[in-house]
Structure formats: structure tokens, C-alpha cells
PDB file of N, CA and C in Angstrom:
ATOM      1  N   MET A   1     -27.268 -32.064  -6.837  1.00  0.00           N
ATOM      2  CA  MET A   1     -26.158 -32.669  -7.538  1.00  0.00           C
ATOM      3  C   MET A   1     -24.918 -32.656  -6.638  1.00  0.00           C
ATOM      4  N   ASN A   2     -24.170 -33.726  -6.646  1.00  0.00           N
ATOM      5  CA  ASN A   2     -22.952 -33.839  -5.855  1.00  0.00           C
ATOM      6  C   ASN A   2     -21.804 -33.138  -6.606  1.00  0.00           C
ATOM      7  N   PRO A   3     -21.203 -32.077  -6.024  1.00  0.00           N
ATOM      8  CA  PRO A   3     -20.138 -31.352  -6.720  1.00  0.00           C
ATOM      9  C   PRO A   3     -18.801 -32.086  -6.720  1.00  0.00           C
ATOM     10  N   ASN A   4     -18.686 -33.159  -5.942  1.00  0.00           N
ATOM     11  CA  ASN A   4     -17.434 -33.898  -5.876  1.00  0.00           C
ATOM     12  C   ASN A   4     -17.296 -34.805  -7.089  1.00  0.00           C
ATOM     13  N   ILE A   5     -16.078 -34.934  -7.588  1.00  0.00           N
ATOM     14  CA  ILE A   5     -15.810 -35.769  -8.744  1.00  0.00           C
ATOM     15  C   ILE A   5     -15.035 -36.991  -8.271  1.00  0.00           C
ATOM     16  N   PRO A   6     -15.652 -38.170  -8.336  1.00  0.00           N
ATOM     17  CA  PRO A   6     -14.931 -39.375  -7.926  1.00  0.00           C
ATOM     18  C   PRO A   6     -13.833 -39.700  -8.935  1.00  0.00           C
ATOM     19  N   PHE A   7     -12.870 -40.498  -8.514  1.00  0.00           N
ATOM     20  CA  PHE A   7     -11.807 -40.915  -9.427  1.00  0.00           C
ATOM     21  C   PHE A   7     -12.432 -41.565 -10.648  1.00  0.00           C
ATOM     22  N   GLN A   8     -11.965 -41.159 -11.814  1.00  0.00           N
ATOM     23  CA  GLN A   8     -12.451 -41.752 -13.060  1.00  0.00           C
ATOM     24  C   GLN A   8     -11.442 -41.497 -14.156  1.00  0.00           C
ATOM     25  N   THR A   9     -11.522 -42.285 -15.191  1.00  0.00           N
ATOM     26  CA  THR A   9     -10.712 -42.056 -16.381  1.00  0.00           C
ATOM     27  C   THR A   9     -11.645 -41.588 -17.492  1.00  0.00           C
ATOM     28  N   ILE A  10     -11.079 -40.891 -18.455  1.00  0.00           N
ATOM     29  CA  ILE A  10     -11.858 -40.432 -19.607  1.00  0.00           C
ATOM     30  C   ILE A  10     -11.240 -41.048 -20.851  1.00  0.00           C
ATOM     31  N   ASP A  11     -12.010 -41.839 -21.550  1.00  0.00           N
ATOM     32  CA  ASP A  11     -11.594 -42.386 -22.840  1.00  0.00           C
ATOM     33  C   ASP A  11     -12.134 -41.422 -23.891  1.00  0.00           C
ATOM     34  N   TRP A  12     -11.284 -40.486 -24.329  1.00  0.00           N
ATOM     35  CA  TRP A  12     -11.741 -39.442 -25.243  1.00  0.00           C
ATOM     36  C   TRP A  12     -12.251 -40.007 -26.556  1.00  0.00           C
ATOM     37  N   SER A  13     -11.817 -41.204 -26.916  1.00  0.00           N
ATOM     38  CA  SER A  13     -12.298 -41.794 -28.174  1.00  0.00           C
ATOM     39  C   SER A  13     -13.783 -42.141 -28.107  1.00  0.00           C
ATOM     40  N   SER A  14     -14.339 -42.193 -26.893  1.00  0.00           N
ATOM     41  CA  SER A  14     -15.762 -42.517 -26.749  1.00  0.00           C
ATOM     42  C   SER A  14     -16.628 -41.283 -26.479  1.00  0.00           C
ATOM     43  N   VAL A  15     -16.005 -40.107 -26.406  1.00  0.00           N
ATOM     44  CA  VAL A  15     -16.749 -38.867 -26.148  1.00  0.00           C
ATOM     45  C   VAL A  15     -17.158 -38.267 -27.499  1.00  0.00           C
ATOM     46  N   PRO A  16     -18.452 -38.022 -27.709  1.00  0.00           N
ATOM     47  CA  PRO A  16     -18.907 -37.498 -29.007  1.00  0.00           C
ATOM     48  C   PRO A  16     -18.273 -36.146 -29.341  1.00  0.00           C
ATOM     49  N   ARG A  17     -18.076 -35.916 -30.645  1.00  0.00           N
ATOM     50  CA  ARG A  17     -17.528 -34.651 -31.139  1.00  0.00           C
ATOM     51  C   ARG A  17     -18.659 -33.765 -31.634  1.00  0.00           C
ATOM     52  N   GLU A  18     -18.612 -32.483 -31.221  1.00  0.00           N
ATOM     53  CA  GLU A  18     -19.557 -31.486 -31.727  1.00  0.00           C
ATOM     54  C   GLU A  18     -18.788 -30.555 -32.650  1.00  0.00           C
ATOM     55  N   GLU A  19     -19.446 -30.128 -33.719  1.00  0.00           N
ATOM     56  CA  GLU A  19     -18.805 -29.255 -34.700  1.00  0.00           C
ATOM     57  C   GLU A  19     -19.296 -27.826 -34.557  1.00  0.00           C
ATOM     58  N   PHE A  20     -18.348 -26.880 -34.617  1.00  0.00           N
ATOM     59  CA  PHE A  20     -18.662 -25.458 -34.541  1.00  0.00           C
ATOM     60  C   PHE A  20     -17.891 -24.746 -35.636  1.00  0.00           C
ATOM     61  N   LYS A  21     -18.581 -23.955 -36.423  1.00  0.00           N
ATOM     62  CA  LYS A  21     -17.936 -23.184 -37.485  1.00  0.00           C
ATOM     63  C   LYS A  21     -17.288 -21.944 -36.896  1.00  0.00           C
ATOM     64  N   GLY A  22     -16.091 -21.623 -37.363  1.00  0.00           N
ATOM     65  CA  GLY A  22     -15.427 -20.389 -36.993  1.00  0.00           C
ATOM     66  C   GLY A  22     -15.723 -19.331 -38.039  1.00  0.00           C
ATOM     67  N   GLU A  23     -15.085 -18.176 -37.893  1.00  0.00           N
ATOM     68  CA  GLU A  23     -15.163 -17.179 -38.962  1.00  0.00           C
ATOM     69  C   GLU A  23     -14.619 -17.808 -40.240  1.00  0.00           C
ATOM     70  N   THR A  24     -13.524 -18.548 -40.075  1.00  0.00           N
ATOM     71  CA  THR A  24     -13.031 -19.446 -41.117  1.00  0.00           C
ATOM     72  C   THR A  24     -12.699 -20.762 -40.426  1.00  0.00           C
ATOM     73  N   GLY A  25     -12.827 -21.850 -41.124  1.00  0.00           N
ATOM     74  CA  GLY A  25     -12.494 -23.164 -40.578  1.00  0.00           C
ATOM     75  C   GLY A  25     -13.533 -23.693 -39.615  1.00  0.00           C
ATOM     76  N   THR A  26     -13.178 -24.805 -38.975  1.00  0.00           N
ATOM     77  CA  THR A  26     -14.098 -25.540 -38.110  1.00  0.00           C
ATOM     78  C   THR A  26     -13.406 -25.946 -36.827  1.00  0.00           C
ATOM     79  N   ALA A  27     -14.171 -25.962 -35.734  1.00  0.00           N
ATOM     80  CA  ALA A  27     -13.705 -26.488 -34.444  1.00  0.00           C
ATOM     81  C   ALA A  27     -14.539 -27.710 -34.105  1.00  0.00           C
ATOM     82  N   TRP A  28     -13.903 -28.702 -33.527  1.00  0.00           N
ATOM     83  CA  TRP A  28     -14.599 -29.893 -33.021  1.00  0.00           C
ATOM     84  C   TRP A  28     -14.304 -30.001 -31.536  1.00  0.00           C
ATOM     85  N   TRP A  29     -15.365 -30.099 -30.742  1.00  0.00           N
ATOM     86  CA  TRP A  29     -15.246 -30.183 -29.281  1.00  0.00           C
ATOM     87  C   TRP A  29     -15.684 -31.560 -28.802  1.00  0.00           C
ATOM     88  N   GLN A  30     -14.914 -32.110 -27.870  1.00  0.00           N
ATOM     89  CA  GLN A  30     -15.335 -33.259 -27.069  1.00  0.00           C
ATOM     90  C   GLN A  30     -15.366 -32.744 -25.640  1.00  0.00           C
ATOM     91  N   THR A  31     -16.521 -32.839 -24.999  1.00  0.00           N
ATOM     92  CA  THR A  31     -16.722 -32.139 -23.733  1.00  0.00           C
ATOM     93  C   THR A  31     -17.153 -33.083 -22.617  1.00  0.00           C
ATOM     94  N   MET A  32     -16.490 -32.934 -21.475  1.00  0.00           N
ATOM     95  CA  MET A  32     -16.925 -33.562 -20.229  1.00  0.00           C
ATOM     96  C   MET A  32     -17.345 -32.418 -19.309  1.00  0.00           C
ATOM     97  N   GLN A  33     -18.598 -32.447 -18.878  1.00  0.00           N
ATOM     98  CA  GLN A  33     -19.144 -31.370 -18.050  1.00  0.00           C
ATOM     99  C   GLN A  33     -19.395 -31.881 -16.639  1.00  0.00           C
ATOM    100  N   TYR A  34     -18.869 -31.172 -15.671  1.00  0.00           N
ATOM    101  CA  TYR A  34     -19.096 -31.451 -14.262  1.00  0.00           C
ATOM    102  C   TYR A  34     -19.657 -30.186 -13.637  1.00  0.00           C
ATOM    103  N   GLU A  35     -20.122 -30.267 -12.410  1.00  0.00           N
ATOM    104  CA  GLU A  35     -20.629 -29.069 -11.752  1.00  0.00           C
ATOM    105  C   GLU A  35     -19.494 -28.066 -11.582  1.00  0.00           C
ATOM    106  N   GLY A  36     -19.603 -26.929 -12.246  1.00  0.00           N
ATOM    107  CA  GLY A  36     -18.612 -25.863 -12.126  1.00  0.00           C
ATOM    108  C   GLY A  36     -17.309 -26.104 -12.868  1.00  0.00           C
ATOM    109  N   LEU A  37     -17.243 -27.154 -13.693  1.00  0.00           N
ATOM    110  CA  LEU A  37     -15.999 -27.506 -14.382  1.00  0.00           C
ATOM    111  C   LEU A  37     -16.319 -28.114 -15.743  1.00  0.00           C
ATOM    112  N   ARG A  38     -15.611 -27.624 -16.777  1.00  0.00           N
ATOM    113  CA  ARG A  38     -15.750 -28.193 -18.118  1.00  0.00           C
ATOM    114  C   ARG A  38     -14.350 -28.538 -18.618  1.00  0.00           C
ATOM    115  N   ILE A  39     -14.196 -29.763 -19.117  1.00  0.00           N
ATOM    116  CA  ILE A  39     -12.928 -30.226 -19.684  1.00  0.00           C
ATOM    117  C   ILE A  39     -13.209 -30.606 -21.133  1.00  0.00           C
ATOM    118  N   ARG A  40     -12.400 -30.065 -22.037  1.00  0.00           N
ATOM    119  CA  ARG A  40     -12.627 -30.344 -23.458  1.00  0.00           C
ATOM    120  C   ARG A  40     -11.330 -30.696 -24.177  1.00  0.00           C
ATOM    121  N   ILE A  41     -11.453 -31.567 -25.165  1.00  0.00           N
ATOM    122  CA  ILE A  41     -10.442 -31.713 -26.197  1.00  0.00           C
ATOM    123  C   ILE A  41     -11.024 -30.967 -27.385  1.00  0.00           C
ATOM    124  N   VAL A  42     -10.277 -29.990 -27.892  1.00  0.00           N
ATOM    125  CA  VAL A  42     -10.751 -29.145 -28.991  1.00  0.00           C
ATOM    126  C   VAL A  42      -9.746 -29.223 -30.125  1.00  0.00           C
ATOM    127  N   GLU A  43     -10.254 -29.479 -31.313  1.00  0.00           N
ATOM    128  CA  GLU A  43      -9.419 -29.470 -32.511  1.00  0.00           C
ATOM    129  C   GLU A  43      -9.894 -28.368 -33.429  1.00  0.00           C
ATOM    130  N   TYR A  44      -8.937 -27.600 -33.955  1.00  0.00           N
ATOM    131  CA  TYR A  44      -9.231 -26.572 -34.946  1.00  0.00           C
ATOM    132  C   TYR A  44      -8.661 -27.033 -36.278  1.00  0.00           C
ATOM    133  N   SER A  45      -9.443 -26.852 -37.335  1.00  0.00           N
ATOM    134  CA  SER A  45      -8.997 -27.225 -38.674  1.00  0.00           C
ATOM    135  C   SER A  45      -7.930 -26.264 -39.177  1.00  0.00           C
ATOM    136  N   LYS A  46      -7.320 -26.618 -40.289  1.00  0.00           N
ATOM    137  CA  LYS A  46      -6.420 -25.687 -40.971  1.00  0.00           C
ATOM    138  C   LYS A  46      -7.196 -24.414 -41.262  1.00  0.00           C
ATOM    139  N   GLY A  47      -6.549 -23.274 -41.093  1.00  0.00           N
ATOM    140  CA  GLY A  47      -7.162 -21.995 -41.416  1.00  0.00           C
ATOM    141  C   GLY A  47      -8.267 -21.556 -40.479  1.00  0.00           C
ATOM    142  N   TYR A  48      -8.298 -22.093 -39.254  1.00  0.00           N
ATOM    143  CA  TYR A  48      -9.354 -21.727 -38.306  1.00  0.00           C
ATOM    144  C   TYR A  48      -9.111 -20.336 -37.723  1.00  0.00           C
ATOM    145  N   LEU A  49     -10.189 -19.554 -37.636  1.00  0.00           N
ATOM    146  CA  LEU A  49     -10.206 -18.283 -36.913  1.00  0.00           C
ATOM    147  C   LEU A  49     -11.520 -18.231 -36.159  1.00  0.00           C
ATOM    148  N   ALA A  50     -11.451 -18.038 -34.850  1.00  0.00           N
ATOM    149  CA  ALA A  50     -12.667 -17.988 -34.025  1.00  0.00           C
ATOM    150  C   ALA A  50     -13.589 -16.879 -34.525  1.00  0.00           C
ATOM    151  N   ASP A  51     -14.888 -17.096 -34.372  1.00  0.00           N
ATOM    152  CA  ASP A  51     -15.887 -16.153 -34.872  1.00  0.00           C
ATOM    153  C   ASP A  51     -16.291 -15.112 -33.828  1.00  0.00           C
ATOM    154  N   HIS A  52     -15.572 -15.054 -32.703  1.00  0.00           N
ATOM    155  CA  HIS A  52     -15.923 -14.093 -31.652  1.00  0.00           C
ATOM    156  C   HIS A  52     -14.704 -13.824 -30.763  1.00  0.00           C
ATOM    157  N   TRP A  53     -14.755 -12.703 -30.056  1.00  0.00           N
ATOM    158  CA  TRP A  53     -13.770 -12.390 -29.026  1.00  0.00           C
ATOM    159  C   TRP A  53     -14.292 -12.967 -27.721  1.00  0.00           C
ATOM    160  N   CYS A  54     -13.478 -13.756 -27.059  1.00  0.00           N
ATOM    161  CA  CYS A  54     -13.895 -14.452 -25.839  1.00  0.00           C
ATOM    162  C   CYS A  54     -13.324 -13.748 -24.618  1.00  0.00           C
ATOM    163  N   LYS A  55     -14.152 -13.576 -23.588  1.00  0.00           N
ATOM    164  CA  LYS A  55     -13.693 -12.991 -22.319  1.00  0.00           C
ATOM    165  C   LYS A  55     -13.662 -14.027 -21.196  1.00  0.00           C
ATOM    166  N   LYS A  56     -14.010 -15.269 -21.537  1.00  0.00           N
ATOM    167  CA  LYS A  56     -14.071 -16.332 -20.540  1.00  0.00           C
ATOM    168  C   LYS A  56     -12.653 -16.763 -20.156  1.00  0.00           C
ATOM    169  N   GLY A  57     -12.485 -17.146 -18.911  1.00  0.00           N
ATOM    170  CA  GLY A  57     -11.214 -17.678 -18.448  1.00  0.00           C
ATOM    171  C   GLY A  57     -11.033 -19.119 -18.892  1.00  0.00           C
ATOM    172  N   HIS A  58      -9.778 -19.483 -19.150  1.00  0.00           N
ATOM    173  CA  HIS A  58      -9.457 -20.837 -19.591  1.00  0.00           C
ATOM    174  C   HIS A  58      -8.079 -21.236 -19.097  1.00  0.00           C
ATOM    175  N   ILE A  59      -7.873 -22.526 -19.046  1.00  0.00           N
ATOM    176  CA  ILE A  59      -6.542 -23.120 -19.051  1.00  0.00           C
ATOM    177  C   ILE A  59      -6.480 -23.860 -20.377  1.00  0.00           C
ATOM    178  N   VAL A  60      -5.568 -23.440 -21.254  1.00  0.00           N
ATOM    179  CA  VAL A  60      -5.475 -24.019 -22.593  1.00  0.00           C
ATOM    180  C   VAL A  60      -4.096 -24.641 -22.744  1.00  0.00           C
ATOM    181  N   HIS A  61      -4.073 -25.943 -23.023  1.00  0.00           N
ATOM    182  CA  HIS A  61      -2.816 -26.673 -23.188  1.00  0.00           C
ATOM    183  C   HIS A  61      -2.750 -27.217 -24.608  1.00  0.00           C
ATOM    184  N   CYS A  62      -1.670 -26.898 -25.310  1.00  0.00           N
ATOM    185  CA  CYS A  62      -1.482 -27.334 -26.691  1.00  0.00           C
ATOM    186  C   CYS A  62      -0.940 -28.766 -26.716  1.00  0.00           C
ATOM    187  N   LEU A  63      -1.709 -29.657 -27.325  1.00  0.00           N
ATOM    188  CA  LEU A  63      -1.322 -31.060 -27.420  1.00  0.00           C
ATOM    189  C   LEU A  63      -0.573 -31.368 -28.715  1.00  0.00           C
ATOM    190  N   GLU A  64      -1.101 -30.852 -29.844  1.00  0.00           N
ATOM    191  CA  GLU A  64      -0.507 -31.105 -31.162  1.00  0.00           C
ATOM    192  C   GLU A  64      -0.693 -29.865 -32.021  1.00  0.00           C
ATOM    193  N   GLY A  65       0.258 -29.604 -32.915  1.00  0.00           N
ATOM    194  CA  GLY A  65       0.146 -28.467 -33.814  1.00  0.00           C
ATOM    195  C   GLY A  65       0.525 -27.182 -33.091  1.00  0.00           C
ATOM    196  N   GLU A  66       0.084 -26.054 -33.654  1.00  0.00           N
ATOM    197  CA  GLU A  66       0.337 -24.771 -32.999  1.00  0.00           C
ATOM    198  C   GLU A  66      -0.773 -23.801 -33.370  1.00  0.00           C
ATOM    199  N   PHE A  67      -0.903 -22.776 -32.532  1.00  0.00           N
ATOM    200  CA  PHE A  67      -1.926 -21.771 -32.775  1.00  0.00           C
ATOM    201  C   PHE A  67      -1.496 -20.465 -32.148  1.00  0.00           C
ATOM    202  N   GLU A  68      -2.206 -19.411 -32.519  1.00  0.00           N
ATOM    203  CA  GLU A  68      -2.006 -18.110 -31.903  1.00  0.00           C
ATOM    204  C   GLU A  68      -3.247 -17.744 -31.128  1.00  0.00           C
ATOM    205  N   SER A  69      -3.023 -17.198 -29.950  1.00  0.00           N
ATOM    206  CA  SER A  69      -4.098 -16.582 -29.197  1.00  0.00           C
ATOM    207  C   SER A  69      -3.932 -15.091 -29.436  1.00  0.00           C
ATOM    208  N   GLU A  70      -4.893 -14.527 -30.131  1.00  0.00           N
ATOM    209  CA  GLU A  70      -4.844 -13.124 -30.509  1.00  0.00           C
ATOM    210  C   GLU A  70      -5.661 -12.314 -29.514  1.00  0.00           C
ATOM    211  N   MET A  71      -5.068 -11.246 -28.996  1.00  0.00           N
ATOM    212  CA  MET A  71      -5.771 -10.352 -28.086  1.00  0.00           C
ATOM    213  C   MET A  71      -6.457  -9.261 -28.904  1.00  0.00           C
ATOM    214  N   GLN A  72      -7.564  -8.750 -28.384  1.00  0.00           N
ATOM    215  CA  GLN A  72      -8.294  -7.719 -29.102  1.00  0.00           C
ATOM    216  C   GLN A  72      -7.454  -6.452 -29.290  1.00  0.00           C
ATOM    217  N   ASP A  73      -6.458  -6.241 -28.411  1.00  0.00           N
ATOM    218  CA  ASP A  73      -5.589  -5.068 -28.543  1.00  0.00           C
ATOM    219  C   ASP A  73      -4.482  -5.264 -29.584  1.00  0.00           C
ATOM    220  N   GLY A  74      -4.460  -6.442 -30.240  1.00  0.00           N
ATOM    221  CA  GLY A  74      -3.493  -6.704 -31.298  1.00  0.00           C
ATOM    222  C   GLY A  74      -2.321  -7.581 -30.901  1.00  0.00           C
ATOM    223  N   ALA A  75      -2.079  -7.778 -29.633  1.00  0.00           N
ATOM    224  CA  ALA A  75      -0.994  -8.664 -29.186  1.00  0.00           C
ATOM    225  C   ALA A  75      -1.326 -10.105 -29.575  1.00  0.00           C
ATOM    226  N   THR A  76      -0.298 -10.910 -29.840  1.00  0.00           N
ATOM    227  CA  THR A  76      -0.498 -12.325 -30.140  1.00  0.00           C
ATOM    228  C   THR A  76       0.481 -13.164 -29.333  1.00  0.00           C
ATOM    229  N   PHE A  77       0.040 -14.366 -29.001  1.00  0.00           N
ATOM    230  CA  PHE A  77       0.859 -15.329 -28.262  1.00  0.00           C
ATOM    231  C   PHE A  77       0.787 -16.653 -29.001  1.00  0.00           C
ATOM    232  N   ARG A  78       1.925 -17.162 -29.429  1.00  0.00           N
ATOM    233  CA  ARG A  78       2.000 -18.422 -30.167  1.00  0.00           C
ATOM    234  C   ARG A  78       2.249 -19.551 -29.184  1.00  0.00           C
ATOM    235  N   LEU A  79       1.411 -20.589 -29.267  1.00  0.00           N
ATOM    236  CA  LEU A  79       1.594 -21.764 -28.426  1.00  0.00           C
ATOM    237  C   LEU A  79       1.887 -22.974 -29.298  1.00  0.00           C
ATOM    238  N   THR A  80       2.841 -23.759 -28.851  1.00  0.00           N
ATOM    239  CA  THR A  80       3.250 -24.987 -29.525  1.00  0.00           C
ATOM    240  C   THR A  80       3.079 -26.150 -28.549  1.00  0.00           C
ATOM    241  N   PRO A  81       3.221 -27.395 -29.007  1.00  0.00           N
ATOM    242  CA  PRO A  81       2.996 -28.531 -28.111  1.00  0.00           C
ATOM    243  C   PRO A  81       3.772 -28.433 -26.801  1.00  0.00           C
ATOM    244  N   GLY A  82       3.048 -28.666 -25.713  1.00  0.00           N
ATOM    245  CA  GLY A  82       3.640 -28.605 -24.381  1.00  0.00           C
ATOM    246  C   GLY A  82       3.468 -27.256 -23.705  1.00  0.00           C
ATOM    247  N   MET A  83       2.975 -26.247 -24.432  1.00  0.00           N
ATOM    248  CA  MET A  83       2.771 -24.916 -23.848  1.00  0.00           C
ATOM    249  C   MET A  83       1.329 -24.759 -23.381  1.00  0.00           C
ATOM    250  N   THR A  84       1.146 -23.898 -22.378  1.00  0.00           N
ATOM    251  CA  THR A  84      -0.156 -23.664 -21.766  1.00  0.00           C
ATOM    252  C   THR A  84      -0.346 -22.174 -21.539  1.00  0.00           C
ATOM    253  N   TYR A  85      -1.582 -21.702 -21.687  1.00  0.00           N
ATOM    254  CA  TYR A  85      -1.885 -20.362 -21.178  1.00  0.00           C
ATOM    255  C   TYR A  85      -3.018 -20.454 -20.180  1.00  0.00           C
ATOM    256  N   VAL A  86      -3.023 -19.508 -19.245  1.00  0.00           N
ATOM    257  CA  VAL A  86      -4.026 -19.448 -18.183  1.00  0.00           C
ATOM    258  C   VAL A  86      -4.504 -18.014 -18.071  1.00  0.00           C
ATOM    259  N   VAL A  87      -5.829 -17.817 -17.964  1.00  0.00           N
ATOM    260  CA  VAL A  87      -6.389 -16.485 -17.756  1.00  0.00           C
ATOM    261  C   VAL A  87      -7.719 -16.626 -17.022  1.00  0.00           C
ATOM    262  N   SER A  88      -8.010 -15.705 -16.124  1.00  0.00           N
ATOM    263  CA  SER A  88      -9.299 -15.684 -15.430  1.00  0.00           C
ATOM    264  C   SER A  88     -10.349 -14.994 -16.302  1.00  0.00           C
ATOM    265  N   ASP A  89     -11.609 -15.203 -15.963  1.00  0.00           N
ATOM    266  CA  ASP A  89     -12.722 -14.559 -16.656  1.00  0.00           C
ATOM    267  C   ASP A  89     -12.521 -13.044 -16.676  1.00  0.00           C
ATOM    268  N   ASP A  90     -12.912 -12.432 -17.771  1.00  0.00           N
ATOM    269  CA  ASP A  90     -12.989 -10.972 -17.916  1.00  0.00           C
ATOM    270  C   ASP A  90     -11.655 -10.232 -17.810  1.00  0.00           C
ATOM    271  N   LEU A  91     -10.523 -10.935 -17.953  1.00  0.00           N
ATOM    272  CA  LEU A  91      -9.229 -10.251 -17.899  1.00  0.00           C
ATOM    273  C   LEU A  91      -8.595 -10.073 -19.275  1.00  0.00           C
ATOM    274  N   SER A  92      -9.230 -10.611 -20.320  1.00  0.00           N
ATOM    275  CA  SER A  92      -8.744 -10.393 -21.681  1.00  0.00           C
ATOM    276  C   SER A  92      -9.884 -10.662 -22.655  1.00  0.00           C
ATOM    277  N   SER A  93      -9.744 -10.095 -23.833  1.00  0.00           N
ATOM    278  CA  SER A  93     -10.601 -10.454 -24.967  1.00  0.00           C
ATOM    279  C   SER A  93      -9.677 -11.137 -25.962  1.00  0.00           C
ATOM    280  N   HIS A  94      -9.887 -12.417 -26.190  1.00  0.00           N
ATOM    281  CA  HIS A  94      -8.966 -13.212 -26.984  1.00  0.00           C
ATOM    282  C   HIS A  94      -9.730 -14.090 -27.972  1.00  0.00           C
ATOM    283  N   ARG A  95      -9.020 -14.523 -29.010  1.00  0.00           N
ATOM    284  CA  ARG A  95      -9.576 -15.502 -29.941  1.00  0.00           C
ATOM    285  C   ARG A  95      -8.428 -16.317 -30.506  1.00  0.00           C
ATOM    286  N   SER A  96      -8.760 -17.525 -30.936  1.00  0.00           N
ATOM    287  CA  SER A  96      -7.746 -18.448 -31.440  1.00  0.00           C
ATOM    288  C   SER A  96      -7.735 -18.460 -32.957  1.00  0.00           C
ATOM    289  N   LYS A  97      -6.532 -18.656 -33.497  1.00  0.00           N
ATOM    290  CA  LYS A  97      -6.401 -18.868 -34.932  1.00  0.00           C
ATOM    291  C   LYS A  97      -5.237 -19.815 -35.175  1.00  0.00           C
ATOM    292  N   THR A  98      -5.353 -20.592 -36.250  1.00  0.00           N
ATOM    293  CA  THR A  98      -4.294 -21.522 -36.598  1.00  0.00           C
ATOM    294  C   THR A  98      -4.179 -21.629 -38.110  1.00  0.00           C
ATOM    295  N   VAL A  99      -2.964 -21.819 -38.560  1.00  0.00           N
ATOM    296  CA  VAL A  99      -2.711 -21.984 -39.987  1.00  0.00           C
ATOM    297  C   VAL A  99      -2.903 -23.451 -40.376  1.00  0.00           C
ATOM    298  N   ASP A 100      -2.243 -24.344 -39.650  1.00  0.00           N
ATOM    299  CA  ASP A 100      -2.205 -25.755 -40.041  1.00  0.00           C
ATOM    300  C   ASP A 100      -3.037 -26.678 -39.171  1.00  0.00           C
ATOM    301  N   GLY A 101      -3.802 -26.133 -38.211  1.00  0.00           N
ATOM    302  CA  GLY A 101      -4.610 -26.963 -37.325  1.00  0.00           C
ATOM    303  C   GLY A 101      -3.907 -27.200 -36.010  1.00  0.00           C
ATOM    304  N   VAL A 102      -4.708 -27.543 -34.999  1.00  0.00           N
ATOM    305  CA  VAL A 102      -4.171 -27.735 -33.653  1.00  0.00           C
ATOM    306  C   VAL A 102      -5.127 -28.607 -32.847  1.00  0.00           C
ATOM    307  N   LYS A 103      -4.585 -29.273 -31.841  1.00  0.00           N
ATOM    308  CA  LYS A 103      -5.383 -30.052 -30.888  1.00  0.00           C
ATOM    309  C   LYS A 103      -5.035 -29.553 -29.499  1.00  0.00           C
ATOM    310  N   LEU A 104      -6.066 -29.176 -28.724  1.00  0.00           N
ATOM    311  CA  LEU A 104      -5.887 -28.558 -27.416  1.00  0.00           C
ATOM    312  C   LEU A 104      -6.671 -29.290 -26.342  1.00  0.00           C
ATOM    313  N   MET A 105      -6.233 -29.173 -25.108  1.00  0.00           N
ATOM    314  CA  MET A 105      -7.067 -29.505 -23.957  1.00  0.00           C
ATOM    315  C   MET A 105      -7.405 -28.168 -23.316  1.00  0.00           C
ATOM    316  N   ILE A 106      -8.701 -27.930 -23.114  1.00  0.00           N
ATOM    317  CA  ILE A 106      -9.157 -26.673 -22.536  1.00  0.00           C
ATOM    318  C   ILE A 106      -9.979 -26.974 -21.288  1.00  0.00           C
ATOM    319  N   ILE A 107      -9.614 -26.335 -20.191  1.00  0.00           N
ATOM    320  CA  ILE A 107     -10.308 -26.509 -18.914  1.00  0.00           C
ATOM    321  C   ILE A 107     -10.807 -25.147 -18.475  1.00  0.00           C
ATOM    322  N   ASP A 108     -12.070 -25.072 -18.115  1.00  0.00           N
ATOM    323  CA  ASP A 108     -12.606 -23.819 -17.597  1.00  0.00           C
ATOM    324  C   ASP A 108     -13.714 -24.126 -16.603  1.00  0.00           C
ATOM    325  N   GLY A 109     -14.132 -23.101 -15.904  1.00  0.00           N
ATOM    326  CA  GLY A 109     -15.190 -23.290 -14.913  1.00  0.00           C
ATOM    327  C   GLY A 109     -15.210 -22.187 -13.887  1.00  0.00           C
ATOM    328  N   GLU A 110     -16.014 -22.399 -12.888  1.00  0.00           N
ATOM    329  CA  GLU A 110     -16.262 -21.387 -11.862  1.00  0.00           C
ATOM    330  C   GLU A 110     -14.991 -20.953 -11.131  1.00  0.00           C
ATOM    331  N   PHE A 111     -14.006 -21.812 -11.037  1.00  0.00           N
ATOM    332  CA  PHE A 111     -12.787 -21.474 -10.307  1.00  0.00           C
ATOM    333  C   PHE A 111     -11.992 -20.359 -10.999  1.00  0.00           C
ATOM    334  N   LEU A 112     -12.320 -20.008 -12.239  1.00  0.00           N
ATOM    335  CA  LEU A 112     -11.636 -18.937 -12.956  1.00  0.00           C
ATOM    336  C   LEU A 112     -12.389 -17.605 -12.899  1.00  0.00           C
ATOM    337  N   ARG A 113     -13.486 -17.560 -12.166  1.00  0.00           N
ATOM    338  CA  ARG A 113     -14.215 -16.295 -12.001  1.00  0.00           C
ATOM    339  C   ARG A 113     -13.398 -15.330 -11.168  1.00  0.00           C
ATOM    340  N   LEU A 114     -13.499 -14.050 -11.490  1.00  0.00           N
ATOM    341  CA  LEU A 114     -12.788 -13.045 -10.704  1.00  0.00           C
ATOM    342  C   LEU A 114     -13.316 -13.027  -9.285  1.00  0.00           C
ATOM    343  N   LYS A 115     -12.436 -12.828  -8.342  1.00  0.00           N
ATOM    344  CA  LYS A 115     -12.804 -12.780  -6.921  1.00  0.00           C
ATOM    345  C   LYS A 115     -12.940 -11.344  -6.471  1.00  0.00           C
TER     346      LYS A 115
END
């Protein structure tokens, strides 16, 4: 497989949505997968709470709405439109929750592995 990504545009309206249940609420993912790179548009419903603590690294950019990224140690970080968080793999245990719903762009992949 060629790891290089040629110039291309993504029409997200044509990318299928997958549904995932949270502890409460629902997440819908639209995913573009490349070698070592995953780009997603993710929407969380009202009242969404992730069903697991995640240790994976991400770049998460809030497009619409707002959400909290809750750390397993109890700390929380609120993100609103235009805000981004970045973390490498295995540097936090986090999960997302939202009261009124949110739309995010999430990018992750091999480049976020610890060195």
C-alpha cells in the first residue's frame, strides 16, 4: 500500500455514518481511513457519555456545540466551537460527554504514538 496521500477533497455528505451507543446517548462517525491516519467527523447526541475511558491519542477540534473531555482523575476540560485538544497515545485516560450535543473533527494515527 502506498502511504502517501495525494491531493484530494472530502465531501463529508457522501461518507457513510456509523452509529455507536455510549453509556448514554449515541455517537455517529464518518470515517476516512488512510495508512497510519484516521480522520473522522463525529457527532454526539444530547446527553452523550462515552462508554469507556480512552487512552488513544487524538487531535479533537470542536466544530459545533460544546462538550467536556473528562479525565479519569476527575479533571474536566470544556471545549466550544473553534477549540482543539491534542494528546499523544497513553498520556491520559479520557472520555467525552455532552449535554446538548456536539460535532467534532477527530484526527488520530501512528504519528501520535509515544516515541
